[in-house]
Amino acid sequence: MAEPASSYWLQGQRTEAESLRATLTELTTREYGLGSSTTWNFMLNLAATHSNQGRHAEAEEFSKQVLDKRKGHSRHCASPYLAEACEA
């Protein structure tokens, strides 16, 4: 599902790409749980999608939500994507 999202993104179909990424994030959360580095990477990727669209306030808010949820899940602190959350 991640590949079609990238394909939509490259074609300028931002809404479709974001929708697929959001769905993938939700499914990943259900499958692996909130403590999984895979889940956090997908969630932060979705925040990056907002940022790339120029929706910086939304991206920042979503990133904060992800990082707040991440607190207490320190077993994946080796991930460079989650360094800020692990320091919190």
PDB file of N, CA and C in Angstrom:
ATOM      1  N   MET A   1       0.817  -1.188   0.000  1.00  0.00           N
ATOM      2  CA  MET A   1       0.000   0.000   0.000  1.00  0.00           C
ATOM      3  C   MET A   1       0.865   1.258   0.000  1.00  0.00           C
ATOM      4  N   ALA A   2       2.077   1.187   0.542  1.00  0.00           N
ATOM      5  CA  ALA A   2       2.947   2.360   0.594  1.00  0.00           C
ATOM      6  C   ALA A   2       3.371   2.792  -0.800  1.00  0.00           C
ATOM      7  N   GLU A   3       3.598   1.823  -1.691  1.00  0.00           N
ATOM      8  CA  GLU A   3       4.007   2.178  -3.050  1.00  0.00           C
ATOM      9  C   GLU A   3       2.929   2.958  -3.791  1.00  0.00           C
ATOM     10  N   PRO A   4       1.651   2.534  -3.766  1.00  0.00           N
ATOM     11  CA  PRO A   4       0.624   3.351  -4.416  1.00  0.00           C
ATOM     12  C   PRO A   4       0.542   4.754  -3.829  1.00  0.00           C
ATOM     13  N   ALA A   5       0.752   4.882  -2.523  1.00  0.00           N
ATOM     14  CA  ALA A   5       0.718   6.210  -1.905  1.00  0.00           C
ATOM     15  C   ALA A   5       1.800   7.090  -2.502  1.00  0.00           C
ATOM     16  N   SER A   6       2.993   6.545  -2.675  1.00  0.00           N
ATOM     17  CA  SER A   6       4.086   7.309  -3.284  1.00  0.00           C
ATOM     18  C   SER A   6       3.759   7.658  -4.722  1.00  0.00           C
ATOM     19  N   SER A   7       3.133   6.726  -5.418  1.00  0.00           N
ATOM     20  CA  SER A   7       2.751   6.949  -6.805  1.00  0.00           C
ATOM     21  C   SER A   7       1.745   8.090  -6.921  1.00  0.00           C
ATOM     22  N   TYR A   8       0.739   8.078  -6.054  1.00  0.00           N
ATOM     23  CA  TYR A   8      -0.235   9.171  -6.037  1.00  0.00           C
ATOM     24  C   TYR A   8       0.460  10.498  -5.759  1.00  0.00           C
ATOM     25  N   TRP A   9       1.381  10.471  -4.794  1.00  0.00           N
ATOM     26  CA  TRP A   9       2.095  11.690  -4.407  1.00  0.00           C
ATOM     27  C   TRP A   9       2.833  12.270  -5.609  1.00  0.00           C
ATOM     28  N   LEU A  10       3.546  11.423  -6.335  1.00  0.00           N
ATOM     29  CA  LEU A  10       4.324  11.881  -7.487  1.00  0.00           C
ATOM     30  C   LEU A  10       3.431  12.420  -8.595  1.00  0.00           C
ATOM     31  N   GLN A  11       2.214  11.917  -8.680  1.00  0.00           N
ATOM     32  CA  GLN A  11       1.269  12.378  -9.698  1.00  0.00           C
ATOM     33  C   GLN A  11       0.511  13.628  -9.258  1.00  0.00           C
ATOM     34  N   GLY A  12       0.809  14.116  -8.071  1.00  0.00           N
ATOM     35  CA  GLY A  12       0.144  15.316  -7.586  1.00  0.00           C
ATOM     36  C   GLY A  12      -1.192  15.054  -6.923  1.00  0.00           C
ATOM     37  N   GLN A  13      -1.516  13.797  -6.696  1.00  0.00           N
ATOM     38  CA  GLN A  13      -2.790  13.446  -6.068  1.00  0.00           C
ATOM     39  C   GLN A  13      -2.574  13.349  -4.559  1.00  0.00           C
ATOM     40  N   ARG A  14      -2.384  14.497  -3.936  1.00  0.00           N
ATOM     41  CA  ARG A  14      -2.004  14.560  -2.526  1.00  0.00           C
ATOM     42  C   ARG A  14      -3.058  13.963  -1.594  1.00  0.00           C
ATOM     43  N   THR A  15      -4.327  14.225  -1.862  1.00  0.00           N
ATOM     44  CA  THR A  15      -5.391  13.731  -0.992  1.00  0.00           C
ATOM     45  C   THR A  15      -5.414  12.208  -0.979  1.00  0.00           C
ATOM     46  N   GLU A  16      -5.280  11.589  -2.154  1.00  0.00           N
ATOM     47  CA  GLU A  16      -5.270  10.133  -2.244  1.00  0.00           C
ATOM     48  C   GLU A  16      -4.062   9.554  -1.520  1.00  0.00           C
ATOM     49  N   ALA A  17      -2.910  10.191  -1.700  1.00  0.00           N
ATOM     50  CA  ALA A  17      -1.691   9.724  -1.033  1.00  0.00           C
ATOM     51  C   ALA A  17      -1.843   9.806   0.477  1.00  0.00           C
ATOM     52  N   GLU A  18      -2.362  10.921   0.946  1.00  0.00           N
ATOM     53  CA  GLU A  18      -2.541  11.100   2.383  1.00  0.00           C
ATOM     54  C   GLU A  18      -3.548  10.093   2.934  1.00  0.00           C
ATOM     55  N   SER A  19      -4.613   9.846   2.209  1.00  0.00           N
ATOM     56  CA  SER A  19      -5.622   8.889   2.642  1.00  0.00           C
ATOM     57  C   SER A  19      -5.031   7.488   2.762  1.00  0.00           C
ATOM     58  N   LEU A  20      -4.251   7.086   1.764  1.00  0.00           N
ATOM     59  CA  LEU A  20      -3.625   5.768   1.821  1.00  0.00           C
ATOM     60  C   LEU A  20      -2.632   5.669   2.970  1.00  0.00           C
ATOM     61  N   ARG A  21      -1.861   6.711   3.175  1.00  0.00           N
ATOM     62  CA  ARG A  21      -0.890   6.691   4.274  1.00  0.00           C
ATOM     63  C   ARG A  21      -1.597   6.642   5.625  1.00  0.00           C
ATOM     64  N   ALA A  22      -2.699   7.373   5.754  1.00  0.00           N
ATOM     65  CA  ALA A  22      -3.465   7.348   7.005  1.00  0.00           C
ATOM     66  C   ALA A  22      -4.035   5.950   7.255  1.00  0.00           C
ATOM     67  N   THR A  23      -4.553   5.320   6.207  1.00  0.00           N
ATOM     68  CA  THR A  23      -5.079   3.963   6.326  1.00  0.00           C
ATOM     69  C   THR A  23      -3.978   2.992   6.717  1.00  0.00           C
ATOM     70  N   LEU A  24      -2.832   3.112   6.080  1.00  0.00           N
ATOM     71  CA  LEU A  24      -1.696   2.247   6.388  1.00  0.00           C
ATOM     72  C   LEU A  24      -1.241   2.444   7.832  1.00  0.00           C
ATOM     73  N   THR A  25      -1.228   3.689   8.280  1.00  0.00           N
ATOM     74  CA  THR A  25      -0.852   3.979   9.664  1.00  0.00           C
ATOM     75  C   THR A  25      -1.835   3.324  10.632  1.00  0.00           C
ATOM     76  N   GLU A  26      -3.123   3.430  10.343  1.00  0.00           N
ATOM     77  CA  GLU A  26      -4.145   2.830  11.205  1.00  0.00           C
ATOM     78  C   GLU A  26      -3.999   1.309  11.250  1.00  0.00           C
ATOM     79  N   LEU A  27      -3.806   0.689  10.091  1.00  0.00           N
ATOM     80  CA  LEU A  27      -3.652  -0.763  10.041  1.00  0.00           C
ATOM     81  C   LEU A  27      -2.379  -1.216  10.750  1.00  0.00           C
ATOM     82  N   THR A  28      -1.311  -0.453  10.583  1.00  0.00           N
ATOM     83  CA  THR A  28      -0.048  -0.780  11.242  1.00  0.00           C
ATOM     84  C   THR A  28      -0.200  -0.687  12.752  1.00  0.00           C
ATOM     85  N   THR A  29      -0.917   0.329  13.213  1.00  0.00           N
ATOM     86  CA  THR A  29      -1.150   0.490  14.648  1.00  0.00           C
ATOM     87  C   THR A  29      -1.926  -0.703  15.194  1.00  0.00           C
ATOM     88  N   ARG A  30      -2.952  -1.131  14.464  1.00  0.00           N
ATOM     89  CA  ARG A  30      -3.738  -2.286  14.904  1.00  0.00           C
ATOM     90  C   ARG A  30      -2.899  -3.564  14.925  1.00  0.00           C
ATOM     91  N   GLU A  31      -2.079  -3.745  13.892  1.00  0.00           N
ATOM     92  CA  GLU A  31      -1.287  -4.972  13.754  1.00  0.00           C
ATOM     93  C   GLU A  31      -0.136  -5.046  14.749  1.00  0.00           C
ATOM     94  N   TYR A  32       0.616  -3.953  14.868  1.00  0.00           N
ATOM     95  CA  TYR A  32       1.844  -3.980  15.661  1.00  0.00           C
ATOM     96  C   TYR A  32       1.716  -3.301  17.022  1.00  0.00           C
ATOM     97  N   GLY A  33       0.683  -2.497  17.214  1.00  0.00           N
ATOM     98  CA  GLY A  33       0.496  -1.793  18.476  1.00  0.00           C
ATOM     99  C   GLY A  33       1.278  -0.493  18.543  1.00  0.00           C
ATOM    100  N   LEU A  34       0.966   0.315  19.560  1.00  0.00           N
ATOM    101  CA  LEU A  34       1.586   1.631  19.697  1.00  0.00           C
ATOM    102  C   LEU A  34       3.057   1.570  20.075  1.00  0.00           C
ATOM    103  N   GLY A  35       3.517   0.459  20.619  1.00  0.00           N
ATOM    104  CA  GLY A  35       4.914   0.356  21.029  1.00  0.00           C
ATOM    105  C   GLY A  35       5.865  -0.013  19.910  1.00  0.00           C
ATOM    106  N   SER A  36       5.355  -0.214  18.721  1.00  0.00           N
ATOM    107  CA  SER A  36       6.181  -0.661  17.602  1.00  0.00           C
ATOM    108  C   SER A  36       6.852   0.504  16.885  1.00  0.00           C
ATOM    109  N   SER A  37       8.137   0.338  16.584  1.00  0.00           N
ATOM    110  CA  SER A  37       8.843   1.381  15.829  1.00  0.00           C
ATOM    111  C   SER A  37       8.246   1.518  14.433  1.00  0.00           C
ATOM    112  N   THR A  38       7.716   0.440  13.879  1.00  0.00           N
ATOM    113  CA  THR A  38       7.071   0.493  12.564  1.00  0.00           C
ATOM    114  C   THR A  38       5.884   1.449  12.608  1.00  0.00           C
ATOM    115  N   THR A  39       5.074   1.329  13.641  1.00  0.00           N
ATOM    116  CA  THR A  39       3.913   2.205  13.796  1.00  0.00           C
ATOM    117  C   THR A  39       4.339   3.660  13.897  1.00  0.00           C
ATOM    118  N   TRP A  40       5.328   3.937  14.738  1.00  0.00           N
ATOM    119  CA  TRP A  40       5.770   5.320  14.936  1.00  0.00           C
ATOM    120  C   TRP A  40       6.365   5.897  13.668  1.00  0.00           C
ATOM    121  N   ASN A  41       7.110   5.093  12.919  1.00  0.00           N
ATOM    122  CA  ASN A  41       7.687   5.587  11.671  1.00  0.00           C
ATOM    123  C   ASN A  41       6.595   5.951  10.674  1.00  0.00           C
ATOM    124  N   PHE A  42       5.542   5.137  10.580  1.00  0.00           N
ATOM    125  CA  PHE A  42       4.440   5.460   9.678  1.00  0.00           C
ATOM    126  C   PHE A  42       3.714   6.725  10.123  1.00  0.00           C
ATOM    127  N   MET A  43       3.518   6.874  11.428  1.00  0.00           N
ATOM    128  CA  MET A  43       2.825   8.061  11.931  1.00  0.00           C
ATOM    129  C   MET A  43       3.639   9.325  11.665  1.00  0.00           C
ATOM    130  N   LEU A  44       4.945   9.253  11.881  1.00  0.00           N
ATOM    131  CA  LEU A  44       5.790  10.421  11.620  1.00  0.00           C
ATOM    132  C   LEU A  44       5.899  10.697  10.126  1.00  0.00           C
ATOM    133  N   ASN A  45       5.820   9.646   9.307  1.00  0.00           N
ATOM    134  CA  ASN A  45       5.817   9.822   7.858  1.00  0.00           C
ATOM    135  C   ASN A  45       4.565  10.580   7.427  1.00  0.00           C
ATOM    136  N   LEU A  46       3.447  10.275   8.051  1.00  0.00           N
ATOM    137  CA  LEU A  46       2.205  10.988   7.738  1.00  0.00           C
ATOM    138  C   LEU A  46       2.323  12.461   8.124  1.00  0.00           C
ATOM    139  N   ALA A  47       2.972  12.735   9.246  1.00  0.00           N
ATOM    140  CA  ALA A  47       3.209  14.129   9.640  1.00  0.00           C
ATOM    141  C   ALA A  47       4.089  14.826   8.606  1.00  0.00           C
ATOM    142  N   ALA A  48       5.080  14.113   8.083  1.00  0.00           N
ATOM    143  CA  ALA A  48       5.946  14.685   7.044  1.00  0.00           C
ATOM    144  C   ALA A  48       5.151  14.976   5.778  1.00  0.00           C
ATOM    145  N   THR A  49       4.161  14.137   5.485  1.00  0.00           N
ATOM    146  CA  THR A  49       3.297  14.378   4.326  1.00  0.00           C
ATOM    147  C   THR A  49       2.575  15.710   4.478  1.00  0.00           C
ATOM    148  N   HIS A  50       2.028  15.966   5.668  1.00  0.00           N
ATOM    149  CA  HIS A  50       1.367  17.251   5.920  1.00  0.00           C
ATOM    150  C   HIS A  50       2.348  18.399   5.698  1.00  0.00           C
ATOM    151  N   SER A  51       3.552  18.248   6.214  1.00  0.00           N
ATOM    152  CA  SER A  51       4.560  19.297   6.092  1.00  0.00           C
ATOM    153  C   SER A  51       4.915  19.551   4.635  1.00  0.00           C
ATOM    154  N   ASN A  52       5.076  18.484   3.870  1.00  0.00           N
ATOM    155  CA  ASN A  52       5.422  18.616   2.452  1.00  0.00           C
ATOM    156  C   ASN A  52       4.330  19.317   1.663  1.00  0.00           C
ATOM    157  N   GLN A  53       3.109  19.256   2.161  1.00  0.00           N
ATOM    158  CA  GLN A  53       1.989  19.920   1.499  1.00  0.00           C
ATOM    159  C   GLN A  53       1.879  21.381   1.915  1.00  0.00           C
ATOM    160  N   GLY A  54       2.775  21.819   2.776  1.00  0.00           N
ATOM    161  CA  GLY A  54       2.719  23.196   3.248  1.00  0.00           C
ATOM    162  C   GLY A  54       1.793  23.374   4.436  1.00  0.00           C
ATOM    163  N   ARG A  55       1.310  22.276   4.977  1.00  0.00           N
ATOM    164  CA  ARG A  55       0.399  22.316   6.120  1.00  0.00           C
ATOM    165  C   ARG A  55       1.231  22.149   7.391  1.00  0.00           C
ATOM    166  N   HIS A  56       2.108  23.114   7.630  1.00  0.00           N
ATOM    167  CA  HIS A  56       3.097  23.003   8.697  1.00  0.00           C
ATOM    168  C   HIS A  56       2.477  22.968  10.092  1.00  0.00           C
ATOM    169  N   ALA A  57       1.442  23.746  10.327  1.00  0.00           N
ATOM    170  CA  ALA A  57       0.805  23.749  11.644  1.00  0.00           C
ATOM    171  C   ALA A  57       0.196  22.378  11.943  1.00  0.00           C
ATOM    172  N   GLU A  58      -0.471  21.787  10.937  1.00  0.00           N
ATOM    173  CA  GLU A  58      -1.051  20.456  11.120  1.00  0.00           C
ATOM    174  C   GLU A  58       0.035  19.418  11.336  1.00  0.00           C
ATOM    175  N   ALA A  59       1.113  19.527  10.575  1.00  0.00           N
ATOM    176  CA  ALA A  59       2.222  18.577  10.709  1.00  0.00           C
ATOM    177  C   ALA A  59       2.835  18.658  12.094  1.00  0.00           C
ATOM    178  N   GLU A  60       3.034  19.877  12.570  1.00  0.00           N
ATOM    179  CA  GLU A  60       3.621  20.063  13.894  1.00  0.00           C
ATOM    180  C   GLU A  60       2.702  19.499  14.980  1.00  0.00           C
ATOM    181  N   GLU A  61       1.407  19.767  14.869  1.00  0.00           N
ATOM    182  CA  GLU A  61       0.450  19.264  15.853  1.00  0.00           C
ATOM    183  C   GLU A  61       0.405  17.733  15.834  1.00  0.00           C
ATOM    184  N   PHE A  62       0.388  17.150  14.633  1.00  0.00           N
ATOM    185  CA  PHE A  62       0.349  15.692  14.522  1.00  0.00           C
ATOM    186  C   PHE A  62       1.620  15.078  15.096  1.00  0.00           C
ATOM    187  N   SER A  63       2.768  15.687  14.813  1.00  0.00           N
ATOM    188  CA  SER A  63       4.039  15.196  15.353  1.00  0.00           C
ATOM    189  C   SER A  63       4.031  15.238  16.876  1.00  0.00           C
ATOM    190  N   LYS A  64       3.493  16.325  17.442  1.00  0.00           N
ATOM    191  CA  LYS A  64       3.413  16.435  18.904  1.00  0.00           C
ATOM    192  C   LYS A  64       2.532  15.333  19.483  1.00  0.00           C
ATOM    193  N   GLN A  65       1.409  15.052  18.817  1.00  0.00           N
ATOM    194  CA  GLN A  65       0.524  13.988  19.282  1.00  0.00           C
ATOM    195  C   GLN A  65       1.248  12.646  19.261  1.00  0.00           C
ATOM    196  N   VAL A  66       1.978  12.393  18.179  1.00  0.00           N
ATOM    197  CA  VAL A  66       2.726  11.142  18.054  1.00  0.00           C
ATOM    198  C   VAL A  66       3.757  11.039  19.167  1.00  0.00           C
ATOM    199  N   LEU A  67       4.497  12.119  19.377  1.00  0.00           N
ATOM    200  CA  LEU A  67       5.548  12.098  20.391  1.00  0.00           C
ATOM    201  C   LEU A  67       4.972  11.971  21.796  1.00  0.00           C
ATOM    202  N   ASP A  68       3.816  12.605  22.049  1.00  0.00           N
ATOM    203  CA  ASP A  68       3.170  12.466  23.353  1.00  0.00           C
ATOM    204  C   ASP A  68       2.741  11.018  23.592  1.00  0.00           C
ATOM    205  N   LYS A  69       2.197  10.378  22.564  1.00  0.00           N
ATOM    206  CA  LYS A  69       1.780   8.983  22.688  1.00  0.00           C
ATOM    207  C   LYS A  69       2.991   8.067  22.847  1.00  0.00           C
ATOM    208  N   ARG A  70       4.103   8.491  22.278  1.00  0.00           N
ATOM    209  CA  ARG A  70       5.319   7.679  22.283  1.00  0.00           C
ATOM    210  C   ARG A  70       5.947   7.589  23.671  1.00  0.00           C
ATOM    211  N   LYS A  71       5.727   8.590  24.499  1.00  0.00           N
ATOM    212  CA  LYS A  71       6.314   8.581  25.843  1.00  0.00           C
ATOM    213  C   LYS A  71       5.900   7.305  26.564  1.00  0.00           C
ATOM    214  N   GLY A  72       6.856   6.691  27.205  1.00  0.00           N
ATOM    215  CA  GLY A  72       6.582   5.452  27.914  1.00  0.00           C
ATOM    216  C   GLY A  72       6.803   4.211  27.083  1.00  0.00           C
ATOM    217  N   HIS A  73       7.060   4.380  25.810  1.00  0.00           N
ATOM    218  CA  HIS A  73       7.349   3.247  24.925  1.00  0.00           C
ATOM    219  C   HIS A  73       8.808   3.350  24.498  1.00  0.00           C
ATOM    220  N   SER A  74       9.724   3.121  25.416  1.00  0.00           N
ATOM    221  CA  SER A  74      11.138   3.394  25.155  1.00  0.00           C
ATOM    222  C   SER A  74      11.911   2.226  24.557  1.00  0.00           C
ATOM    223  N   ARG A  75      11.276   1.107  24.286  1.00  0.00           N
ATOM    224  CA  ARG A  75      12.037  -0.040  23.812  1.00  0.00           C
ATOM    225  C   ARG A  75      12.562   0.116  22.389  1.00  0.00           C
ATOM    226  N   HIS A  76      12.097   1.111  21.656  1.00  0.00           N
ATOM    227  CA  HIS A  76      12.556   1.305  20.284  1.00  0.00           C
ATOM    228  C   HIS A  76      13.339   2.604  20.124  1.00  0.00           C
ATOM    229  N   CYS A  77      14.021   3.041  21.161  1.00  0.00           N
ATOM    230  CA  CYS A  77      14.720   4.316  21.118  1.00  0.00           C
ATOM    231  C   CYS A  77      15.938   4.308  20.204  1.00  0.00           C
ATOM    232  N   ALA A  78      16.312   3.158  19.681  1.00  0.00           N
ATOM    233  CA  ALA A  78      17.445   3.108  18.762  1.00  0.00           C
ATOM    234  C   ALA A  78      17.087   3.718  17.410  1.00  0.00           C
ATOM    235  N   SER A  79      15.812   3.850  17.123  1.00  0.00           N
ATOM    236  CA  SER A  79      15.385   4.401  15.843  1.00  0.00           C
ATOM    237  C   SER A  79      15.700   5.888  15.764  1.00  0.00           C
ATOM    238  N   PRO A  80      16.424   6.317  14.706  1.00  0.00           N
ATOM    239  CA  PRO A  80      16.737   7.741  14.579  1.00  0.00           C
ATOM    240  C   PRO A  80      15.491   8.601  14.399  1.00  0.00           C
ATOM    241  N   TYR A  81      14.408   8.006  13.900  1.00  0.00           N
ATOM    242  CA  TYR A  81      13.172   8.747  13.690  1.00  0.00           C
ATOM    243  C   TYR A  81      12.490   9.090  15.009  1.00  0.00           C
ATOM    244  N   LEU A  82      12.834   8.365  16.044  1.00  0.00           N
ATOM    245  CA  LEU A  82      12.142   8.526  17.310  1.00  0.00           C
ATOM    246  C   LEU A  82      13.016   9.126  18.393  1.00  0.00           C
ATOM    247  N   ALA A  83      14.164   9.636  18.029  1.00  0.00           N
ATOM    248  CA  ALA A  83      15.123  10.150  19.012  1.00  0.00           C
ATOM    249  C   ALA A  83      14.494  11.203  19.918  1.00  0.00           C
ATOM    250  N   GLU A  84      13.740  12.124  19.349  1.00  0.00           N
ATOM    251  CA  GLU A  84      13.123  13.189  20.140  1.00  0.00           C
ATOM    252  C   GLU A  84      12.145  12.620  21.160  1.00  0.00           C
ATOM    253  N   ALA A  85      11.376  11.634  20.756  1.00  0.00           N
ATOM    254  CA  ALA A  85      10.408  11.028  21.668  1.00  0.00           C
ATOM    255  C   ALA A  85      11.103  10.305  22.809  1.00  0.00           C
ATOM    256  N   CYS A  86      12.216   9.688  22.516  1.00  0.00           N
ATOM    257  CA  CYS A  86      12.929   8.928  23.539  1.00  0.00           C
ATOM    258  C   CYS A  86      13.614   9.843  24.540  1.00  0.00           C
ATOM    259  N   GLU A  87      13.950  11.050  24.104  1.00  0.00           N
ATOM    260  CA  GLU A  87      14.591  12.009  24.995  1.00  0.00           C
ATOM    261  C   GLU A  87      13.583  12.649  25.934  1.00  0.00           C
ATOM    262  N   ALA A  88      12.310  12.651  25.531  1.00  0.00           N
ATOM    263  CA  ALA A  88      11.252  13.316  26.315  1.00  0.00           C
ATOM    264  C   ALA A  88      10.987  12.586  27.612  1.00  0.00           C
TER     265      ALA A  88
END
